[in-house]
Amino acid sequence: MIFNLTEYEKAQEEMRILEERLERLQQTHPIGSKGFTKAGIRKMIARLHEELAVFEGSEEARHSVSS
């Protein structure tokens, strides 16, 4: 879970890195190759999206932005 703005920014950076890694895998390995690896990266990205969304809707996020 993301509890503050620092963790939120770190999660955004992690997601960017994972998206770049997935893009490289898709370019270097055709469909059917490295499928488990690509699926795992997609799951990590999805988890980060969910955590970011929860934080964005949280009271902490509202206080961080207004401060």
N, C-alpha and C. Protein backbone atom coordinates (compact mmCIF):
# COMPACT_ATOMS: atom_id res chain seq x y z
N MET A 1 0.83 -1.19 0.00
CA MET A 1 0.00 0.00 0.00
C MET A 1 0.87 1.25 0.00
N ILE A 2 0.33 2.28 -0.59
CA ILE A 2 1.00 3.56 -0.66
C ILE A 2 0.40 4.45 0.42
N PHE A 3 1.26 5.00 1.29
CA PHE A 3 0.77 5.77 2.43
C PHE A 3 1.11 7.26 2.38
N ASN A 4 2.03 7.66 1.49
CA ASN A 4 2.37 9.08 1.43
C ASN A 4 2.83 9.46 0.02
N LEU A 5 3.07 10.74 -0.18
CA LEU A 5 3.41 11.25 -1.49
C LEU A 5 4.74 10.69 -2.00
N THR A 6 5.69 10.48 -1.12
CA THR A 6 6.99 9.92 -1.52
C THR A 6 6.81 8.51 -2.07
N GLU A 7 6.03 7.69 -1.40
CA GLU A 7 5.78 6.33 -1.88
C GLU A 7 5.00 6.36 -3.19
N TYR A 8 4.09 7.31 -3.32
CA TYR A 8 3.31 7.48 -4.55
C TYR A 8 4.24 7.77 -5.74
N GLU A 9 5.14 8.70 -5.55
CA GLU A 9 6.09 9.04 -6.62
C GLU A 9 7.00 7.87 -6.95
N LYS A 10 7.42 7.13 -5.93
CA LYS A 10 8.26 5.95 -6.14
C LYS A 10 7.49 4.89 -6.93
N ALA A 11 6.22 4.70 -6.63
CA ALA A 11 5.39 3.72 -7.36
C ALA A 11 5.21 4.13 -8.81
N GLN A 12 5.05 5.44 -9.06
CA GLN A 12 4.94 5.91 -10.44
C GLN A 12 6.21 5.61 -11.22
N GLU A 13 7.36 5.82 -10.60
CA GLU A 13 8.64 5.54 -11.26
C GLU A 13 8.79 4.04 -11.51
N GLU A 14 8.42 3.23 -10.53
CA GLU A 14 8.48 1.78 -10.70
C GLU A 14 7.60 1.32 -11.85
N MET A 15 6.42 1.92 -11.97
CA MET A 15 5.51 1.56 -13.05
C MET A 15 6.11 1.94 -14.41
N ARG A 16 6.73 3.10 -14.48
CA ARG A 16 7.37 3.54 -15.72
C ARG A 16 8.47 2.55 -16.14
N ILE A 17 9.26 2.11 -15.18
CA ILE A 17 10.34 1.15 -15.45
C ILE A 17 9.76 -0.18 -15.93
N LEU A 18 8.70 -0.65 -15.27
CA LEU A 18 8.07 -1.91 -15.68
C LEU A 18 7.48 -1.81 -17.09
N GLU A 19 6.86 -0.67 -17.40
CA GLU A 19 6.29 -0.49 -18.73
C GLU A 19 7.38 -0.50 -19.80
N GLU A 20 8.52 0.13 -19.51
CA GLU A 20 9.64 0.11 -20.45
C GLU A 20 10.18 -1.32 -20.62
N ARG A 21 10.27 -2.05 -19.51
CA ARG A 21 10.76 -3.44 -19.56
C ARG A 21 9.82 -4.31 -20.39
N LEU A 22 8.51 -4.13 -20.19
CA LEU A 22 7.53 -4.88 -20.96
C LEU A 22 7.65 -4.56 -22.45
N GLU A 23 7.81 -3.30 -22.77
CA GLU A 23 7.95 -2.88 -24.17
C GLU A 23 9.17 -3.54 -24.81
N ARG A 24 10.30 -3.57 -24.09
CA ARG A 24 11.50 -4.22 -24.62
C ARG A 24 11.27 -5.72 -24.84
N LEU A 25 10.61 -6.37 -23.89
CA LEU A 25 10.32 -7.80 -24.03
C LEU A 25 9.42 -8.06 -25.24
N GLN A 26 8.44 -7.20 -25.43
CA GLN A 26 7.53 -7.38 -26.56
C GLN A 26 8.25 -7.20 -27.88
N GLN A 27 9.24 -6.33 -27.93
CA GLN A 27 10.00 -6.10 -29.15
C GLN A 27 10.98 -7.24 -29.44
N THR A 28 11.59 -7.79 -28.39
CA THR A 28 12.63 -8.79 -28.60
C THR A 28 12.13 -10.23 -28.60
N HIS A 29 10.94 -10.46 -28.07
CA HIS A 29 10.41 -11.82 -28.01
C HIS A 29 9.00 -11.84 -28.62
N PRO A 30 8.82 -12.60 -29.67
CA PRO A 30 7.51 -12.65 -30.33
C PRO A 30 6.44 -13.27 -29.43
N ILE A 31 5.21 -13.17 -29.89
CA ILE A 31 4.07 -13.74 -29.16
C ILE A 31 4.34 -15.22 -28.90
N GLY A 32 4.05 -15.65 -27.71
CA GLY A 32 4.27 -17.04 -27.33
C GLY A 32 5.62 -17.27 -26.67
N SER A 33 6.50 -16.30 -26.76
CA SER A 33 7.82 -16.42 -26.16
C SER A 33 7.88 -15.50 -24.95
N LYS A 34 8.42 -15.99 -23.87
CA LYS A 34 8.53 -15.24 -22.63
C LYS A 34 7.15 -14.81 -22.11
N GLY A 35 6.14 -15.61 -22.39
CA GLY A 35 4.78 -15.28 -22.00
C GLY A 35 4.59 -15.11 -20.51
N PHE A 36 5.20 -15.99 -19.72
CA PHE A 36 5.04 -15.89 -18.27
C PHE A 36 5.71 -14.62 -17.75
N THR A 37 6.84 -14.27 -18.30
CA THR A 37 7.53 -13.06 -17.88
C THR A 37 6.70 -11.82 -18.19
N LYS A 38 6.17 -11.75 -19.41
CA LYS A 38 5.34 -10.59 -19.79
C LYS A 38 4.07 -10.54 -18.95
N ALA A 39 3.48 -11.67 -18.69
CA ALA A 39 2.26 -11.71 -17.87
C ALA A 39 2.56 -11.23 -16.45
N GLY A 40 3.68 -11.63 -15.92
CA GLY A 40 4.07 -11.21 -14.58
C GLY A 40 4.28 -9.70 -14.49
N ILE A 41 4.91 -9.14 -15.51
CA ILE A 41 5.13 -7.70 -15.53
C ILE A 41 3.79 -6.98 -15.63
N ARG A 42 2.89 -7.50 -16.47
CA ARG A 42 1.56 -6.88 -16.59
C ARG A 42 0.81 -6.92 -15.26
N LYS A 43 0.96 -8.01 -14.51
CA LYS A 43 0.32 -8.11 -13.20
C LYS A 43 0.90 -7.09 -12.22
N MET A 44 2.22 -6.90 -12.26
CA MET A 44 2.83 -5.90 -11.38
C MET A 44 2.36 -4.50 -11.73
N ILE A 45 2.25 -4.21 -13.04
CA ILE A 45 1.75 -2.91 -13.48
C ILE A 45 0.32 -2.71 -13.00
N ALA A 46 -0.51 -3.74 -13.15
CA ALA A 46 -1.91 -3.65 -12.72
C ALA A 46 -2.01 -3.40 -11.22
N ARG A 47 -1.18 -4.08 -10.45
CA ARG A 47 -1.17 -3.89 -9.00
C ARG A 47 -0.80 -2.46 -8.65
N LEU A 48 0.21 -1.92 -9.34
CA LEU A 48 0.61 -0.54 -9.08
C LEU A 48 -0.49 0.44 -9.46
N HIS A 49 -1.18 0.18 -10.57
CA HIS A 49 -2.30 1.03 -10.97
C HIS A 49 -3.35 1.06 -9.86
N GLU A 50 -3.67 -0.11 -9.31
CA GLU A 50 -4.66 -0.19 -8.24
C GLU A 50 -4.21 0.57 -7.00
N GLU A 51 -2.96 0.39 -6.61
CA GLU A 51 -2.46 1.07 -5.43
C GLU A 51 -2.43 2.58 -5.63
N LEU A 52 -2.03 3.02 -6.82
CA LEU A 52 -2.02 4.45 -7.11
C LEU A 52 -3.44 5.02 -7.05
N ALA A 53 -4.39 4.28 -7.58
CA ALA A 53 -5.78 4.75 -7.57
C ALA A 53 -6.32 4.85 -6.15
N VAL A 54 -6.01 3.88 -5.31
CA VAL A 54 -6.46 3.92 -3.92
C VAL A 54 -5.86 5.13 -3.22
N PHE A 55 -4.56 5.36 -3.43
CA PHE A 55 -3.92 6.51 -2.79
C PHE A 55 -4.52 7.82 -3.29
N GLU A 56 -4.75 7.90 -4.60
CA GLU A 56 -5.30 9.13 -5.18
C GLU A 56 -6.66 9.47 -4.58
N GLY A 57 -7.41 8.46 -4.20
CA GLY A 57 -8.71 8.68 -3.59
C GLY A 57 -8.67 8.82 -2.07
N SER A 58 -7.49 8.71 -1.50
CA SER A 58 -7.37 8.72 -0.03
C SER A 58 -7.31 10.12 0.54
N GLU A 59 -7.53 10.19 1.81
CA GLU A 59 -7.44 11.45 2.55
C GLU A 59 -6.01 11.99 2.52
N GLU A 60 -5.02 11.10 2.60
CA GLU A 60 -3.61 11.51 2.58
C GLU A 60 -3.28 12.27 1.31
N ALA A 61 -3.77 11.78 0.18
CA ALA A 61 -3.50 12.45 -1.09
C ALA A 61 -4.11 13.84 -1.12
N ARG A 62 -5.30 13.96 -0.60
CA ARG A 62 -5.97 15.28 -0.58
C ARG A 62 -5.18 16.26 0.30
N HIS A 63 -4.64 15.77 1.41
CA HIS A 63 -3.85 16.64 2.29
C HIS A 63 -2.51 16.98 1.65
N SER A 64 -1.89 16.05 0.95
CA SER A 64 -0.60 16.29 0.31
C SER A 64 -0.71 17.35 -0.77
N VAL A 65 -1.79 17.31 -1.55
CA VAL A 65 -1.97 18.25 -2.65
C VAL A 65 -2.29 19.64 -2.11
N SER A 66 -3.10 19.72 -1.08
CA SER A 66 -3.53 21.02 -0.56
C SER A 66 -2.46 21.69 0.29
N SER A 67 -1.47 20.95 0.73
CA SER A 67 -0.42 21.52 1.59
C SER A 67 0.60 22.30 0.82
